[in-house]
ModelCIF file with pLDDT and N, C-alpha, C, O atoms, coordinates in Angstrom:
data_MODEL
#
_entry.id   MODEL 
#
_entity.id                         1 
_entity.type                       polymer 
_entity.pdbx_number_of_molecules   1 
#
_entity_poly.entity_id                      1 
_entity_poly.type                           'polypeptide(L)' 
_entity_poly.nstd_linkage                   no 
_entity_poly.nstd_monomer                   no 
_entity_poly.pdbx_seq_one_letter_code       GGSLKLSCAGSERIFSIYSMRWFRQPTGKQRELVATITN 
_entity_poly.pdbx_seq_one_letter_code_can   GGSLKLSCAGSERIFSIYSMRWFRQPTGKQRELVATITN 
_entity_poly.pdbx_strand_id                 A 
#
loop_
_entity_poly_seq.entity_id 
_entity_poly_seq.num 
_entity_poly_seq.mon_id 
_entity_poly_seq.hetero 
1 1  GLY n 
1 2  GLY n 
1 3  SER n 
1 4  LEU n 
1 5  LYS n 
1 6  LEU n 
1 7  SER n 
1 8  CYS n 
1 9  ALA n 
1 10 GLY n 
1 11 SER n 
1 12 GLU n 
1 13 ARG n 
1 14 ILE n 
1 15 PHE n 
1 16 SER n 
1 17 ILE n 
1 18 TYR n 
1 19 SER n 
1 20 MET n 
1 21 ARG n 
1 22 TRP n 
1 23 PHE n 
1 24 ARG n 
1 25 GLN n 
1 26 PRO n 
1 27 THR n 
1 28 GLY n 
1 29 LYS n 
1 30 GLN n 
1 31 ARG n 
1 32 GLU n 
1 33 LEU n 
1 34 VAL n 
1 35 ALA n 
1 36 THR n 
1 37 ILE n 
1 38 THR n 
1 39 ASN n 
#
_struct_asym.id          A 
_struct_asym.entity_id   1 
#
loop_
_ma_qa_metric.id 
_ma_qa_metric.mode 
_ma_qa_metric.name 
_ma_qa_metric.software_group_id 
_ma_qa_metric.type 
1 global pLDDT . pLDDT 
2 local  pLDDT . pLDDT 
#
_ma_qa_metric_global.metric_id      1 
_ma_qa_metric_global.metric_value   94.46 
_ma_qa_metric_global.model_id       1 
_ma_qa_metric_global.ordinal_id     1 
#
loop_
_ma_qa_metric_local.label_asym_id 
_ma_qa_metric_local.label_comp_id 
_ma_qa_metric_local.label_seq_id 
_ma_qa_metric_local.metric_id 
_ma_qa_metric_local.metric_value 
_ma_qa_metric_local.model_id 
_ma_qa_metric_local.ordinal_id 
A GLY 1  2 98.00 1 1  
A GLY 2  2 98.00 1 2  
A SER 3  2 98.00 1 3  
A LEU 4  2 97.00 1 4  
A LYS 5  2 98.00 1 5  
A LEU 6  2 98.00 1 6  
A SER 7  2 97.00 1 7  
A CYS 8  2 96.00 1 8  
A ALA 9  2 94.00 1 9  
A GLY 10 2 90.00 1 10 
A SER 11 2 88.00 1 11 
A GLU 12 2 85.00 1 12 
A ARG 13 2 85.00 1 13 
A ILE 14 2 84.00 1 14 
A PHE 15 2 84.00 1 15 
A SER 16 2 88.00 1 16 
A ILE 17 2 87.00 1 17 
A TYR 18 2 92.00 1 18 
A SER 19 2 93.00 1 19 
A MET 20 2 95.00 1 20 
A ARG 21 2 97.00 1 21 
A TRP 22 2 98.00 1 22 
A PHE 23 2 98.00 1 23 
A ARG 24 2 98.00 1 24 
A GLN 25 2 98.00 1 25 
A PRO 26 2 97.00 1 26 
A THR 27 2 96.00 1 27 
A GLY 28 2 96.00 1 28 
A LYS 29 2 97.00 1 29 
A GLN 30 2 97.00 1 30 
A ARG 31 2 97.00 1 31 
A GLU 32 2 98.00 1 32 
A LEU 33 2 98.00 1 33 
A VAL 34 2 98.00 1 34 
A ALA 35 2 98.00 1 35 
A THR 36 2 98.00 1 36 
A ILE 37 2 97.00 1 37 
A THR 38 2 94.00 1 38 
A ASN 39 2 89.00 1 39 
#
loop_
_atom_site.group_PDB 
_atom_site.id 
_atom_site.type_symbol 
_atom_site.label_atom_id 
_atom_site.label_alt_id 
_atom_site.label_comp_id 
_atom_site.label_asym_id 
_atom_site.label_entity_id 
_atom_site.label_seq_id 
_atom_site.pdbx_PDB_ins_code 
_atom_site.Cartn_x 
_atom_site.Cartn_y 
_atom_site.Cartn_z 
_atom_site.occupancy 
_atom_site.B_iso_or_equiv 
_atom_site.pdbx_formal_charge 
_atom_site.auth_seq_id 
_atom_site.auth_comp_id 
_atom_site.auth_asym_id 
_atom_site.auth_atom_id 
_atom_site.pdbx_PDB_model_num 
ATOM 1   N N  . GLY A 1 1  ? 2.298   16.733  -12.124 1.00 98.00 ? 1  GLY A N  1 
ATOM 2   C CA . GLY A 1 1  ? 0.923   17.054  -12.479 1.00 98.00 ? 1  GLY A CA 1 
ATOM 3   C C  . GLY A 1 1  ? 0.169   15.904  -13.103 1.00 98.00 ? 1  GLY A C  1 
ATOM 4   O O  . GLY A 1 1  ? -1.044  15.985  -13.299 1.00 98.00 ? 1  GLY A O  1 
ATOM 5   N N  . GLY A 1 2  ? 0.873   14.834  -13.417 1.00 98.00 ? 2  GLY A N  1 
ATOM 6   C CA . GLY A 1 2  ? 0.247   13.687  -14.055 1.00 98.00 ? 2  GLY A CA 1 
ATOM 7   C C  . GLY A 1 2  ? -0.386  12.726  -13.061 1.00 98.00 ? 2  GLY A C  1 
ATOM 8   O O  . GLY A 1 2  ? -0.489  13.009  -11.868 1.00 98.00 ? 2  GLY A O  1 
ATOM 9   N N  . SER A 1 3  ? -0.810  11.573  -13.591 1.00 98.00 ? 3  SER A N  1 
ATOM 10  C CA . SER A 1 3  ? -1.503  10.571  -12.780 1.00 98.00 ? 3  SER A CA 1 
ATOM 11  C C  . SER A 1 3  ? -0.915  9.190   -13.002 1.00 98.00 ? 3  SER A C  1 
ATOM 12  O O  . SER A 1 3  ? -0.325  8.892   -14.040 1.00 98.00 ? 3  SER A O  1 
ATOM 13  N N  . LEU A 1 4  ? -1.101  8.357   -11.981 1.00 97.00 ? 4  LEU A N  1 
ATOM 14  C CA . LEU A 1 4  ? -0.619  6.983   -12.034 1.00 97.00 ? 4  LEU A CA 1 
ATOM 15  C C  . LEU A 1 4  ? -1.494  6.173   -11.092 1.00 97.00 ? 4  LEU A C  1 
ATOM 16  O O  . LEU A 1 4  ? -1.949  6.684   -10.069 1.00 97.00 ? 4  LEU A O  1 
ATOM 17  N N  . LYS A 1 5  ? -1.729  4.911   -11.433 1.00 98.00 ? 5  LYS A N  1 
ATOM 18  C CA . LYS A 1 5  ? -2.505  4.050   -10.545 1.00 98.00 ? 5  LYS A CA 1 
ATOM 19  C C  . LYS A 1 5  ? -1.719  2.786   -10.240 1.00 98.00 ? 5  LYS A C  1 
ATOM 20  O O  . LYS A 1 5  ? -1.349  2.035   -11.143 1.00 98.00 ? 5  LYS A O  1 
ATOM 21  N N  . LEU A 1 6  ? -1.472  2.562   -8.959  1.00 98.00 ? 6  LEU A N  1 
ATOM 22  C CA . LEU A 1 6  ? -0.758  1.379   -8.507  1.00 98.00 ? 6  LEU A CA 1 
ATOM 23  C C  . LEU A 1 6  ? -1.757  0.302   -8.101  1.00 98.00 ? 6  LEU A C  1 
ATOM 24  O O  . LEU A 1 6  ? -2.841  0.596   -7.597  1.00 98.00 ? 6  LEU A O  1 
ATOM 25  N N  . SER A 1 7  ? -1.369  -0.954  -8.330  1.00 97.00 ? 7  SER A N  1 
ATOM 26  C CA . SER A 1 7  ? -2.175  -2.092  -7.915  1.00 97.00 ? 7  SER A CA 1 
ATOM 27  C C  . SER A 1 7  ? -1.307  -3.048  -7.113  1.00 97.00 ? 7  SER A C  1 
ATOM 28  O O  . SER A 1 7  ? -0.095  -3.140  -7.313  1.00 97.00 ? 7  SER A O  1 
ATOM 29  N N  . CYS A 1 8  ? -1.957  -3.753  -6.204  1.00 96.00 ? 8  CYS A N  1 
ATOM 30  C CA . CYS A 1 8  ? -1.253  -4.753  -5.399  1.00 96.00 ? 8  CYS A CA 1 
ATOM 31  C C  . CYS A 1 8  ? -2.204  -5.922  -5.206  1.00 96.00 ? 8  CYS A C  1 
ATOM 32  O O  . CYS A 1 8  ? -3.283  -5.767  -4.634  1.00 96.00 ? 8  CYS A O  1 
ATOM 33  N N  . ALA A 1 9  ? -1.802  -7.090  -5.681  1.00 94.00 ? 9  ALA A N  1 
ATOM 34  C CA . ALA A 1 9  ? -2.670  -8.258  -5.616  1.00 94.00 ? 9  ALA A CA 1 
ATOM 35  C C  . ALA A 1 9  ? -2.019  -9.390  -4.838  1.00 94.00 ? 9  ALA A C  1 
ATOM 36  O O  . ALA A 1 9  ? -0.828  -9.662  -4.987  1.00 94.00 ? 9  ALA A O  1 
ATOM 37  N N  . GLY A 1 10 ? -2.816  -10.044 -4.007  1.00 90.00 ? 10 GLY A N  1 
ATOM 38  C CA . GLY A 1 10 ? -2.323  -11.202 -3.277  1.00 90.00 ? 10 GLY A CA 1 
ATOM 39  C C  . GLY A 1 10 ? -2.355  -12.438 -4.152  1.00 90.00 ? 10 GLY A C  1 
ATOM 40  O O  . GLY A 1 10 ? -3.218  -12.577 -5.019  1.00 90.00 ? 10 GLY A O  1 
ATOM 41  N N  . SER A 1 11 ? -1.405  -13.339 -3.918  1.00 88.00 ? 11 SER A N  1 
ATOM 42  C CA . SER A 1 11 ? -1.287  -14.535 -4.757  1.00 88.00 ? 11 SER A CA 1 
ATOM 43  C C  . SER A 1 11 ? -2.332  -15.594 -4.410  1.00 88.00 ? 11 SER A C  1 
ATOM 44  O O  . SER A 1 11 ? -2.568  -16.517 -5.190  1.00 88.00 ? 11 SER A O  1 
ATOM 45  N N  . GLU A 1 12 ? -2.959  -15.458 -3.235  1.00 85.00 ? 12 GLU A N  1 
ATOM 46  C CA . GLU A 1 12 ? -4.011  -16.379 -2.842  1.00 85.00 ? 12 GLU A CA 1 
ATOM 47  C C  . GLU A 1 12 ? -4.948  -15.678 -1.867  1.00 85.00 ? 12 GLU A C  1 
ATOM 48  O O  . GLU A 1 12 ? -4.693  -14.558 -1.424  1.00 85.00 ? 12 GLU A O  1 
ATOM 49  N N  . ARG A 1 13 ? -6.025  -16.359 -1.549  1.00 85.00 ? 13 ARG A N  1 
ATOM 50  C CA . ARG A 1 13 ? -7.033  -15.775 -0.675  1.00 85.00 ? 13 ARG A CA 1 
ATOM 51  C C  . ARG A 1 13 ? -6.428  -15.451 0.691   1.00 85.00 ? 13 ARG A C  1 
ATOM 52  O O  . ARG A 1 13 ? -5.709  -16.259 1.278   1.00 85.00 ? 13 ARG A O  1 
ATOM 53  N N  . ILE A 1 14 ? -6.737  -14.250 1.181   1.00 84.00 ? 14 ILE A N  1 
ATOM 54  C CA . ILE A 1 14 ? -6.313  -13.814 2.514   1.00 84.00 ? 14 ILE A CA 1 
ATOM 55  C C  . ILE A 1 14 ? -7.562  -13.608 3.354   1.00 84.00 ? 14 ILE A C  1 
ATOM 56  O O  . ILE A 1 14 ? -8.406  -12.771 3.035   1.00 84.00 ? 14 ILE A O  1 
ATOM 57  N N  . PHE A 1 15 ? -7.673  -14.368 4.418   1.00 84.00 ? 15 PHE A N  1 
ATOM 58  C CA . PHE A 1 15 ? -8.871  -14.305 5.251   1.00 84.00 ? 15 PHE A CA 1 
ATOM 59  C C  . PHE A 1 15 ? -8.721  -13.273 6.367   1.00 84.00 ? 15 PHE A C  1 
ATOM 60  O O  . PHE A 1 15 ? -7.619  -12.998 6.840   1.00 84.00 ? 15 PHE A O  1 
ATOM 61  N N  . SER A 1 16 ? -9.842  -12.718 6.767   1.00 88.00 ? 16 SER A N  1 
ATOM 62  C CA . SER A 1 16 ? -9.900  -11.817 7.916   1.00 88.00 ? 16 SER A CA 1 
ATOM 63  C C  . SER A 1 16 ? -8.873  -10.689 7.817   1.00 88.00 ? 16 SER A C  1 
ATOM 64  O O  . SER A 1 16 ? -8.014  -10.527 8.684   1.00 88.00 ? 16 SER A O  1 
ATOM 65  N N  . ILE A 1 17 ? -8.988  -9.922  6.744   1.00 87.00 ? 17 ILE A N  1 
ATOM 66  C CA . ILE A 1 17 ? -8.087  -8.773  6.555   1.00 87.00 ? 17 ILE A CA 1 
ATOM 67  C C  . ILE A 1 17 ? -8.496  -7.649  7.506   1.00 87.00 ? 17 ILE A C  1 
ATOM 68  O O  . ILE A 1 17 ? -9.668  -7.283  7.592   1.00 87.00 ? 17 ILE A O  1 
ATOM 69  N N  . TYR A 1 18 ? -7.511  -7.114  8.213   1.00 92.00 ? 18 TYR A N  1 
ATOM 70  C CA . TYR A 1 18 ? -7.765  -5.966  9.091   1.00 92.00 ? 18 TYR A CA 1 
ATOM 71  C C  . TYR A 1 18 ? -7.654  -4.654  8.309   1.00 92.00 ? 18 TYR A C  1 
ATOM 72  O O  . TYR A 1 18 ? -8.526  -3.789  8.393   1.00 92.00 ? 18 TYR A O  1 
ATOM 73  N N  . SER A 1 19 ? -6.577  -4.528  7.556   1.00 93.00 ? 19 SER A N  1 
ATOM 74  C CA . SER A 1 19 ? -6.355  -3.307  6.802   1.00 93.00 ? 19 SER A CA 1 
ATOM 75  C C  . SER A 1 19 ? -5.411  -3.556  5.637   1.00 93.00 ? 19 SER A C  1 
ATOM 76  O O  . SER A 1 19 ? -4.661  -4.532  5.607   1.00 93.00 ? 19 SER A O  1 
ATOM 77  N N  . MET A 1 20 ? -5.474  -2.649  4.689   1.00 95.00 ? 20 MET A N  1 
ATOM 78  C CA . MET A 1 20 ? -4.572  -2.652  3.542   1.00 95.00 ? 20 MET A CA 1 
ATOM 79  C C  . MET A 1 20 ? -3.923  -1.281  3.507   1.00 95.00 ? 20 MET A C  1 
ATOM 80  O O  . MET A 1 20 ? -4.604  -0.272  3.690   1.00 95.00 ? 20 MET A O  1 
ATOM 81  N N  . ARG A 1 21 ? -2.619  -1.229  3.275   1.00 97.00 ? 21 ARG A N  1 
ATOM 82  C CA . ARG A 1 21 ? -1.901  0.039   3.348   1.00 97.00 ? 21 ARG A CA 1 
ATOM 83  C C  . ARG A 1 21 ? -0.899  0.187   2.218   1.00 97.00 ? 21 ARG A C  1 
ATOM 84  O O  . ARG A 1 21 ? -0.437  -0.799  1.643   1.00 97.00 ? 21 ARG A O  1 
ATOM 85  N N  . TRP A 1 22 ? -0.576  1.412   1.913   1.00 98.00 ? 22 TRP A N  1 
ATOM 86  C CA . TRP A 1 22 ? 0.510   1.750   1.001   1.00 98.00 ? 22 TRP A CA 1 
ATOM 87  C C  . TRP A 1 22 ? 1.535   2.554   1.780   1.00 98.00 ? 22 TRP A C  1 
ATOM 88  O O  . TRP A 1 22 ? 1.192   3.490   2.501   1.00 98.00 ? 22 TRP A O  1 
ATOM 89  N N  . PHE A 1 23 ? 2.794   2.178   1.625   1.00 98.00 ? 23 PHE A N  1 
ATOM 90  C CA . PHE A 1 23 ? 3.929   2.903   2.170   1.00 98.00 ? 23 PHE A CA 1 
ATOM 91  C C  . PHE A 1 23 ? 4.801   3.361   1.004   1.00 98.00 ? 23 PHE A C  1 
ATOM 92  O O  . PHE A 1 23 ? 4.657   2.882   -0.121  1.00 98.00 ? 23 PHE A O  1 
ATOM 93  N N  . ARG A 1 24 ? 5.693   4.282   1.285   1.00 98.00 ? 24 ARG A N  1 
ATOM 94  C CA . ARG A 1 24 ? 6.687   4.654   0.285   1.00 98.00 ? 24 ARG A CA 1 
ATOM 95  C C  . ARG A 1 24 ? 8.007   4.969   0.970   1.00 98.00 ? 24 ARG A C  1 
ATOM 96  O O  . ARG A 1 24 ? 8.047   5.356   2.138   1.00 98.00 ? 24 ARG A O  1 
ATOM 97  N N  . GLN A 1 25 ? 9.082   4.795   0.217   1.00 98.00 ? 25 GLN A N  1 
ATOM 98  C CA . GLN A 1 25 ? 10.407  5.061   0.745   1.00 98.00 ? 25 GLN A CA 1 
ATOM 99  C C  . GLN A 1 25 ? 11.250  5.747   -0.314  1.00 98.00 ? 25 GLN A C  1 
ATOM 100 O O  . GLN A 1 25 ? 11.728  5.103   -1.247  1.00 98.00 ? 25 GLN A O  1 
ATOM 101 N N  . PRO A 1 26 ? 11.432  7.049   -0.171  1.00 97.00 ? 26 PRO A N  1 
ATOM 102 C CA . PRO A 1 26 ? 12.339  7.748   -1.089  1.00 97.00 ? 26 PRO A CA 1 
ATOM 103 C C  . PRO A 1 26 ? 13.771  7.283   -0.842  1.00 97.00 ? 26 PRO A C  1 
ATOM 104 O O  . PRO A 1 26 ? 14.105  6.847   0.260   1.00 97.00 ? 26 PRO A O  1 
ATOM 105 N N  . THR A 1 27 ? 14.586  7.372   -1.832  1.00 96.00 ? 27 THR A N  1 
ATOM 106 C CA . THR A 1 27 ? 15.981  6.948   -1.717  1.00 96.00 ? 27 THR A CA 1 
ATOM 107 C C  . THR A 1 27 ? 16.671  7.689   -0.586  1.00 96.00 ? 27 THR A C  1 
ATOM 108 O O  . THR A 1 27 ? 16.650  8.919   -0.532  1.00 96.00 ? 27 THR A O  1 
ATOM 109 N N  . GLY A 1 28 ? 17.280  6.937   0.315   1.00 96.00 ? 28 GLY A N  1 
ATOM 110 C CA . GLY A 1 28 ? 18.014  7.533   1.416   1.00 96.00 ? 28 GLY A CA 1 
ATOM 111 C C  . GLY A 1 28 ? 17.169  8.011   2.573   1.00 96.00 ? 28 GLY A C  1 
ATOM 112 O O  . GLY A 1 28 ? 17.686  8.605   3.519   1.00 96.00 ? 28 GLY A O  1 
ATOM 113 N N  . LYS A 1 29 ? 15.861  7.757   2.509   1.00 97.00 ? 29 LYS A N  1 
ATOM 114 C CA . LYS A 1 29 ? 14.975  8.209   3.578   1.00 97.00 ? 29 LYS A CA 1 
ATOM 115 C C  . LYS A 1 29 ? 14.219  7.034   4.180   1.00 97.00 ? 29 LYS A C  1 
ATOM 116 O O  . LYS A 1 29 ? 14.261  5.920   3.658   1.00 97.00 ? 29 LYS A O  1 
ATOM 117 N N  . GLN A 1 30 ? 13.527  7.296   5.287   1.00 97.00 ? 30 GLN A N  1 
ATOM 118 C CA . GLN A 1 30 ? 12.768  6.242   5.947   1.00 97.00 ? 30 GLN A CA 1 
ATOM 119 C C  . GLN A 1 30 ? 11.456  5.966   5.232   1.00 97.00 ? 30 GLN A C  1 
ATOM 120 O O  . GLN A 1 30 ? 10.903  6.821   4.540   1.00 97.00 ? 30 GLN A O  1 
ATOM 121 N N  . ARG A 1 31 ? 10.980  4.749   5.422   1.00 97.00 ? 31 ARG A N  1 
ATOM 122 C CA . ARG A 1 31 ? 9.686   4.378   4.871   1.00 97.00 ? 31 ARG A CA 1 
ATOM 123 C C  . ARG A 1 31 ? 8.590   5.134   5.611   1.00 97.00 ? 31 ARG A C  1 
ATOM 124 O O  . ARG A 1 31 ? 8.645   5.278   6.832   1.00 97.00 ? 31 ARG A O  1 
ATOM 125 N N  . GLU A 1 32 ? 7.598   5.613   4.875   1.00 98.00 ? 32 GLU A N  1 
ATOM 126 C CA . GLU A 1 32 ? 6.499   6.351   5.483   1.00 98.00 ? 32 GLU A CA 1 
ATOM 127 C C  . GLU A 1 32 ? 5.158   5.798   5.019   1.00 98.00 ? 32 GLU A C  1 
ATOM 128 O O  . GLU A 1 32 ? 5.024   5.302   3.901   1.00 98.00 ? 32 GLU A O  1 
ATOM 129 N N  . LEU A 1 33 ? 4.177   5.896   5.898   1.00 98.00 ? 33 LEU A N  1 
ATOM 130 C CA . LEU A 1 33 ? 2.833   5.447   5.576   1.00 98.00 ? 33 LEU A CA 1 
ATOM 131 C C  . LEU A 1 33 ? 2.142   6.495   4.714   1.00 98.00 ? 33 LEU A C  1 
ATOM 132 O O  . LEU A 1 33 ? 2.117   7.678   5.056   1.00 98.00 ? 33 LEU A O  1 
ATOM 133 N N  . VAL A 1 34 ? 1.587   6.054   3.603   1.00 98.00 ? 34 VAL A N  1 
ATOM 134 C CA . VAL A 1 34 ? 0.923   6.960   2.657   1.00 98.00 ? 34 VAL A CA 1 
ATOM 135 C C  . VAL A 1 34 ? -0.591  6.922   2.843   1.00 98.00 ? 34 VAL A C  1 
ATOM 136 O O  . VAL A 1 34 ? -1.235  7.966   2.952   1.00 98.00 ? 34 VAL A O  1 
ATOM 137 N N  . ALA A 1 35 ? -1.154  5.718   2.880   1.00 98.00 ? 35 ALA A N  1 
ATOM 138 C CA . ALA A 1 35 ? -2.606  5.596   2.954   1.00 98.00 ? 35 ALA A CA 1 
ATOM 139 C C  . ALA A 1 35 ? -2.982  4.243   3.540   1.00 98.00 ? 35 ALA A C  1 
ATOM 140 O O  . ALA A 1 35 ? -2.266  3.253   3.386   1.00 98.00 ? 35 ALA A O  1 
ATOM 141 N N  . THR A 1 36 ? -4.116  4.230   4.210   1.00 98.00 ? 36 THR A N  1 
ATOM 142 C CA . THR A 1 36 ? -4.666  3.018   4.822   1.00 98.00 ? 36 THR A CA 1 
ATOM 143 C C  . THR A 1 36 ? -6.135  2.908   4.477   1.00 98.00 ? 36 THR A C  1 
ATOM 144 O O  . THR A 1 36 ? -6.849  3.910   4.431   1.00 98.00 ? 36 THR A O  1 
ATOM 145 N N  . ILE A 1 37 ? -6.586  1.682   4.233   1.00 97.00 ? 37 ILE A N  1 
ATOM 146 C CA . ILE A 1 37 ? -8.015  1.438   4.098   1.00 97.00 ? 37 ILE A CA 1 
ATOM 147 C C  . ILE A 1 37 ? -8.364  0.250   4.980   1.00 97.00 ? 37 ILE A C  1 
ATOM 148 O O  . ILE A 1 37 ? -7.745  -0.810  4.884   1.00 97.00 ? 37 ILE A O  1 
ATOM 149 N N  . THR A 1 38 ? -9.354  0.434   5.834   1.00 94.00 ? 38 THR A N  1 
ATOM 150 C CA . THR A 1 38 ? -9.723  -0.628  6.769   1.00 94.00 ? 38 THR A CA 1 
ATOM 151 C C  . THR A 1 38 ? -10.640 -1.652  6.095   1.00 94.00 ? 38 THR A C  1 
ATOM 152 O O  . THR A 1 38 ? -11.067 -1.475  4.954   1.00 94.00 ? 38 THR A O  1 
ATOM 153 N N  . ASN A 1 39 ? -10.922 -2.709  6.823   1.00 89.00 ? 39 ASN A N  1 
ATOM 154 C CA . ASN A 1 39 ? -11.811 -3.740  6.297   1.00 89.00 ? 39 ASN A CA 1 
ATOM 155 C C  . ASN A 1 39 ? -13.185 -3.165  5.976   1.00 89.00 ? 39 ASN A C  1 
ATOM 156 O O  . ASN A 1 39 ? -14.067 -3.893  5.521   1.00 89.00 ? 39 ASN A O  1 
#
């Protein structure tokens, strides 16, 4: 029921980004796509 905010920062400038995505992988399971945001 609580909240959390994740951040992800690039170490340098990234040009011409198509999309940014978050995936997750529970222990023992496959990685799954959680969310996508386009350019």
